[in-house]
Structure formats: C-alpha cells, structure tokens
Protein backbone atom coordinates (compact mmCIF):
# COMPACT_ATOMS: atom_id res chain seq x y z
CA LYS A 1 3.76 -17.04 -11.95
CA MET A 2 4.17 -13.45 -13.00
CA ARG A 3 1.41 -12.45 -15.36
CA GLU A 4 1.87 -10.38 -18.46
CA VAL A 5 1.17 -6.70 -17.97
CA ARG A 6 -1.78 -5.57 -20.05
CA TRP A 7 -2.66 -1.92 -20.58
CA LEU A 8 -6.41 -1.41 -20.32
CA TRP A 9 -6.33 2.28 -21.10
CA GLU A 10 -4.12 3.46 -23.94
CA PRO A 11 -3.59 7.09 -25.01
CA SER A 12 -5.59 6.63 -28.19
CA GLU A 13 -9.03 7.23 -29.59
CA SER A 14 -10.14 3.67 -28.88
CA MET A 15 -10.80 3.10 -25.18
CA THR A 16 -11.66 -0.14 -23.40
CA ASP A 17 -14.63 -0.25 -21.04
CA VAL A 18 -13.53 -1.71 -17.72
CA TYR A 19 -15.83 -2.20 -14.76
CA VAL A 20 -14.84 -2.36 -11.11
CA ARG A 21 -16.07 -5.96 -10.94
CA ASP A 22 -13.54 -6.78 -13.67
CA ILE A 23 -10.73 -5.14 -11.69
CA ILE A 24 -11.37 -7.14 -8.53
CA GLN A 25 -12.12 -10.50 -10.19
CA HIS A 26 -9.58 -11.02 -12.97
CA GLY A 27 -6.70 -11.84 -10.61
CA SER A 28 -3.85 -9.70 -11.92
CA PRO A 29 -2.42 -6.45 -10.50
CA VAL A 30 -4.11 -3.27 -11.70
CA VAL A 31 -2.48 0.15 -11.40
CA ILE A 32 -4.75 3.18 -11.55
CA ASN A 33 -2.95 6.48 -12.03
CA THR A 34 -4.91 9.72 -12.10
CA GLY A 35 -1.79 11.85 -12.44
CA ALA A 36 0.48 12.60 -15.38
CA TYR A 37 2.62 9.81 -16.82
CA GLN A 38 5.11 9.23 -19.62
CA TYR A 39 5.16 6.61 -22.35
CA LYS A 40 6.97 5.89 -25.61
CA ASP A 41 5.13 6.10 -28.91
CA SER A 42 5.74 3.84 -31.91
CA SER A 43 8.75 5.91 -32.95
CA GLY A 44 10.36 5.63 -29.53
CA SER A 45 9.76 9.26 -28.60
CA VAL A 46 8.80 9.95 -24.98
CA LYS A 47 5.39 11.54 -24.61
CA THR A 48 3.76 12.97 -21.49
CA MET A 49 0.07 12.50 -20.83
CA PRO A 50 -1.25 15.28 -18.58
CA GLY A 51 -3.04 14.34 -15.40
CA VAL A 52 -6.45 15.56 -14.32
CA GLY A 53 -6.76 18.36 -11.78
CA GLY A 54 -5.92 17.63 -8.15
CA GLU A 55 -9.46 18.01 -6.83
CA LEU A 56 -10.94 15.80 -9.55
CA ALA A 57 -8.22 13.19 -9.07
CA GLU A 58 -8.92 13.04 -5.34
CA ASP A 59 -12.69 12.82 -5.85
CA THR A 60 -12.10 10.03 -8.38
CA MET A 61 -9.98 8.02 -5.95
CA LYS A 62 -12.49 8.48 -3.13
CA GLY A 63 -15.34 7.30 -5.30
CA LEU A 64 -13.26 4.42 -6.67
CA SER A 65 -12.18 3.18 -3.24
CA TYR A 66 -15.82 3.16 -2.12
CA THR A 67 -16.96 1.34 -5.27
CA ILE A 68 -14.18 -1.28 -5.04
CA TRP A 69 -15.12 -2.07 -1.44
CA ALA A 70 -18.84 -2.19 -2.31
CA ASP A 71 -18.16 -4.71 -5.11
CA VAL A 72 -15.84 -6.77 -2.89
CA LYS A 73 -18.74 -7.18 -0.48
CA ARG A 74 -21.07 -7.98 -3.37
CA TYR A 75 -18.91 -10.66 -5.00
CA GLY A 76 -16.52 -11.77 -2.26
CA ALA A 77 -18.73 -13.51 0.32
CA SER A 78 -16.97 -16.84 -0.36
CA TRP A 79 -13.45 -15.52 -0.99
CA GLU A 80 -12.18 -16.06 2.56
CA ALA A 81 -13.20 -19.74 2.46
CA GLU A 82 -11.67 -20.11 -1.01
CA GLY A 83 -8.39 -18.50 0.04
CA LYS A 84 -8.82 -15.71 -2.51
CA ARG A 85 -7.37 -12.31 -1.68
CA VAL A 86 -7.87 -8.84 -3.06
CA LEU A 87 -5.44 -6.24 -1.72
CA MET A 88 -5.80 -2.51 -2.26
CA PHE A 89 -2.75 -0.23 -2.17
CA PHE A 90 -3.01 3.55 -1.82
CA ASP A 91 0.07 5.78 -1.77
CA GLU A 92 -1.64 8.64 0.09
CA VAL A 93 -4.35 7.83 2.60
CA SER A 94 -5.70 11.39 2.75
CA HIS A 95 -6.87 10.94 -0.86
CA ILE A 96 -9.25 8.14 0.07
CA ALA A 97 -10.20 8.82 3.69
CA HIS A 98 -13.79 9.97 3.65
CA GLU A 99 -17.34 8.97 4.44
CA TYR A 100 -20.14 8.22 2.00
CA GLY A 101 -23.54 8.00 3.64
CA GLY A 102 -21.93 7.77 7.06
CA ARG A 103 -19.74 4.84 5.97
CA ASP A 104 -15.97 4.98 6.20
CA VAL A 105 -14.19 2.69 3.72
CA ILE A 106 -10.90 2.38 5.63
CA THR A 107 -12.56 1.46 8.92
CA GLU A 108 -14.89 -1.03 7.22
CA VAL A 109 -12.03 -2.77 5.42
CA VAL A 110 -10.01 -2.99 8.65
CA ASN A 111 -13.00 -4.39 10.59
CA GLU A 112 -14.71 -6.52 7.94
CA GLY A 113 -12.22 -7.02 5.11
CA ARG A 114 -10.97 -10.43 6.18
CA SER A 115 -14.47 -11.88 5.90
CA PHE A 116 -14.40 -10.96 2.22
CA GLY A 117 -10.78 -11.83 1.48
CA CYS A 118 -9.92 -8.12 1.28
CA GLY A 119 -7.05 -6.13 2.75
CA MET A 120 -5.70 -2.60 2.45
CA TYR A 121 -2.26 -1.00 2.48
CA ALA A 122 -2.21 2.78 2.74
CA ALA A 123 0.65 5.23 3.17
CA THR A 124 1.17 8.87 4.01
CA GLN A 125 4.23 11.09 4.08
CA ASN A 126 3.16 13.45 6.85
CA VAL A 127 1.17 11.96 9.71
CA ASP A 128 1.07 15.26 11.58
CA ARG A 129 -0.69 16.95 8.65
CA LEU A 130 -3.58 14.49 8.56
CA GLU A 131 -6.93 15.51 9.95
CA PRO A 132 -7.53 13.90 13.37
CA GLY A 133 -10.25 11.59 12.02
CA ILE A 134 -8.03 10.37 9.17
CA ALA A 135 -5.08 9.85 11.51
CA LYS A 136 -7.30 7.78 13.78
CA GLN A 137 -8.26 5.60 10.82
CA MET A 138 -4.60 5.02 10.01
CA PHE A 139 -3.65 4.08 13.55
CA ASN A 140 -6.56 1.63 13.77
CA MET A 141 -4.92 -0.52 11.11
CA PRO A 142 -3.56 -3.77 12.58
CA GLY A 143 -0.11 -3.37 11.04
CA LYS A 144 1.95 -0.19 10.75
CA ALA A 145 5.45 0.65 9.53
CA PHE A 146 7.13 3.97 10.30
CA PHE A 147 10.01 5.02 8.07
CA SER A 148 12.45 7.85 8.77
CA GLN A 149 10.73 11.02 9.97
CA SER A 150 12.27 14.42 9.31
CA SER A 151 10.00 16.64 11.40
CA GLN A 152 9.94 16.62 15.19
CA GLU A 153 6.15 16.52 15.12
CA ASN A 154 6.18 13.24 13.18
CA VAL A 155 8.89 11.82 15.44
CA GLU A 156 6.68 12.46 18.46
CA VAL A 157 3.71 10.80 16.76
CA VAL A 158 5.77 7.68 16.09
CA MET A 159 7.18 7.57 19.63
CA SER A 160 3.66 7.84 21.02
CA GLU A 161 2.52 4.94 18.85
CA ILE A 162 5.42 2.54 19.54
CA GLY A 163 5.48 3.33 23.26
CA GLY A 164 8.00 5.07 25.46
CA ASP A 165 9.26 1.74 26.83
CA SER A 166 10.44 0.48 23.42
CA VAL A 167 14.11 0.07 22.56
CA TYR A 168 13.89 2.85 19.98
CA SER A 169 14.85 6.45 20.65
CA ARG A 170 13.76 9.65 18.93
CA LYS A 171 17.12 9.73 17.19
CA ASN A 172 16.48 6.21 15.84
CA VAL A 173 13.18 7.36 14.35
CA HIS A 174 14.79 10.42 12.81
CA ASP A 175 17.86 8.65 11.39
CA LEU A 176 16.41 5.40 10.01
CA PRO A 177 18.27 4.39 6.81
CA ARG A 178 16.44 4.01 3.50
CA GLY A 179 14.24 0.93 3.37
CA THR A 180 14.24 0.46 7.15
CA ALA A 181 11.17 1.01 9.31
CA ILE A 182 9.92 0.51 12.84
CA SER A 183 6.86 -1.71 12.68
CA THR A 184 4.03 -2.78 14.97
CA VAL A 185 1.56 -5.58 14.25
CA LYS A 186 -1.65 -6.78 15.88
CA THR A 187 -2.46 -10.49 15.61
CA ARG A 188 -5.16 -12.75 16.99
CA ASP A 189 -2.97 -13.26 20.04
CA GLY A 190 -2.48 -9.57 20.69
CA SER A 191 -0.01 -6.85 19.76
CA VAL A 192 3.58 -7.52 18.76
CA GLY A 193 6.04 -5.05 20.25
CA ALA A 194 7.85 -2.64 17.92
CA PHE A 195 10.46 -4.32 15.74
CA THR A 196 12.78 -3.37 12.86
CA LEU A 197 11.46 -4.04 9.37
CA HIS A 198 13.64 -4.01 6.25
CA ALA A 199 11.93 -3.34 2.91
CA PRO A 200 13.82 -4.20 -0.31
CA TYR A 201 14.76 -1.31 -2.56
CA ALA A 202 12.25 -1.54 -5.42
CA PRO A 203 14.66 -1.64 -8.42
CA GLU A 204 16.77 -4.29 -6.69
CA TRP A 205 13.71 -6.31 -5.67
CA LYS A 206 12.49 -6.21 -9.28
CA ASN A 207 15.74 -7.83 -10.41
CA TYR A 208 15.29 -10.63 -7.88
CA LEU A 209 11.73 -11.25 -9.08
CA VAL A 210 12.84 -11.42 -12.70
CA GLU A 211 15.73 -13.75 -11.90
CA HIS A 212 13.91 -16.14 -9.56
CA GLY A 213 10.38 -16.12 -11.01
CA THR A 214 8.28 -16.38 -7.84
CA THR A 215 7.93 -14.09 -4.86
CA LYS A 216 8.92 -16.85 -2.43
CA ASP A 217 12.09 -17.82 -4.31
CA ALA A 218 13.01 -14.16 -4.77
CA ALA A 219 12.53 -13.47 -1.05
CA VAL A 220 14.67 -16.46 -0.02
CA ALA A 221 17.48 -15.35 -2.34
CA TYR A 222 17.21 -11.73 -1.26
CA ILE A 223 17.41 -12.58 2.45
CA SER A 224 20.32 -14.94 1.83
CA ASP A 225 22.25 -12.22 0.02
CA HIS A 226 21.57 -9.57 2.68
CA VAL A 227 22.18 -11.46 5.93
CA LYS A 228 25.43 -10.71 7.70
CA GLU A 229 27.57 -13.29 9.47
CA ASP A 230 26.08 -12.39 12.84
CA GLY A 231 22.61 -13.26 11.51
CA ASP A 232 21.27 -9.73 11.38
CA ALA A 233 19.63 -8.63 8.15
CA TRP A 234 20.94 -5.35 6.76
C-alpha cells in the first residue's frame, strides 16, 4: 500500500530531529533535497526556500551516503534473510563518489550490499566528464541503463560498454526516444546482452499508481496499455 507522505523538515522554527537509523528503518520513502525547493504557505502563496551552497551540499551528500551505508551494516545483518530491502537513489553519482578512510561507499554497496538487504541506484548526465575512478565505480554496477546521448564522447563510451557486436549502432544511442534506454545486466548466471528498456514517463506512471493502488497492478495495466499488436512495447 502507498504510505502517506510525511514531511520531517518543515520551513518553520520548529524542527524535528531525525537520525539516519530512523531513515533506514521506518520503511517509507525518504527524499533528501539539499537544493532550493518551492512550497505553498497557508495562504496558498508559492514560496521558495533557498538551497545551501554547492560545495556544502555535495559534502553533505557524501557524508550522508557514508553514514547511511554504515548504519545499514550496523542494523541490517538479518535483513537479507528477512526479505527486507533498503534502496538508495542518487541523481548524480559524482556528488557521492568518494573515499572515507580508504573506503568507497559505491564499491562496498555493489560488492556487499545484498548481504545487508541494501541496493543502490545512481545516475549521471555526462559519463565522459566523470573522473576515471568514479566512472569505474559506475561501470562496476551489475545493472546499467544508457539513455540518449548527445555528445559523441558519451556515445563512444556507451558503445564500448555494450560491445561492438551488439545490434545497436551509434545512431541508435544518439537518437533514443524519451524514456527508452539500452540496458545491460549481470546476474548470477552471467551477463545479459544489451537490450532495450522502456521507462514510464513519471507523470503518467504516477497516474497509474494512483488509479491501481499497487506497483504490480499499475505495471500490469501500464504494459497492457502500451503494447502494440505485434507484441512490442512502445
């Protein structure tokens, strides 16, 4: 069931103390935004809360990602056996890729996360602009999805990753439509060759979730509505 959204930090004088152990154990999605955001006050007027500086925001996310993973290891030793999952989503991997005391959070989650019921999804807009060490961390992830790439440098990076013997061309990578990606996945049985992945457009997917109540029912309805007569999803 979809849980009620609860704001833990409100733009007011009264603040709620929230610990990382609370974030990873209470079972509902938590969104942490260190940038500016808008909200409506009691009169309905739109207000803008300024974000913190870029350097401080990045340092905050690096420290937070490290602390979340440290607490997952502290409290999650039995989560895999219990079927409990904690997934971390980061919209820009360069903001969290770092080492504390010689330990790299991304690599540790990829290598050890399953034992603690923990997984990570991380994205970046420009693979070719990542530092070599950070790019290596990204490509070590077992599952990857490459959306349309505008620069030739990024196109070449994708082609190198999916392999020159794949069915995809450089033009395919450059001209992918919105919501469509080329994906590769590693499983226990080995690597799965590059395949086409379709991601629902967020506003449309939200409507399906609201209408059907559960992720499974929404997915079944969405696929049914977007499959052509020849069996190919859009």
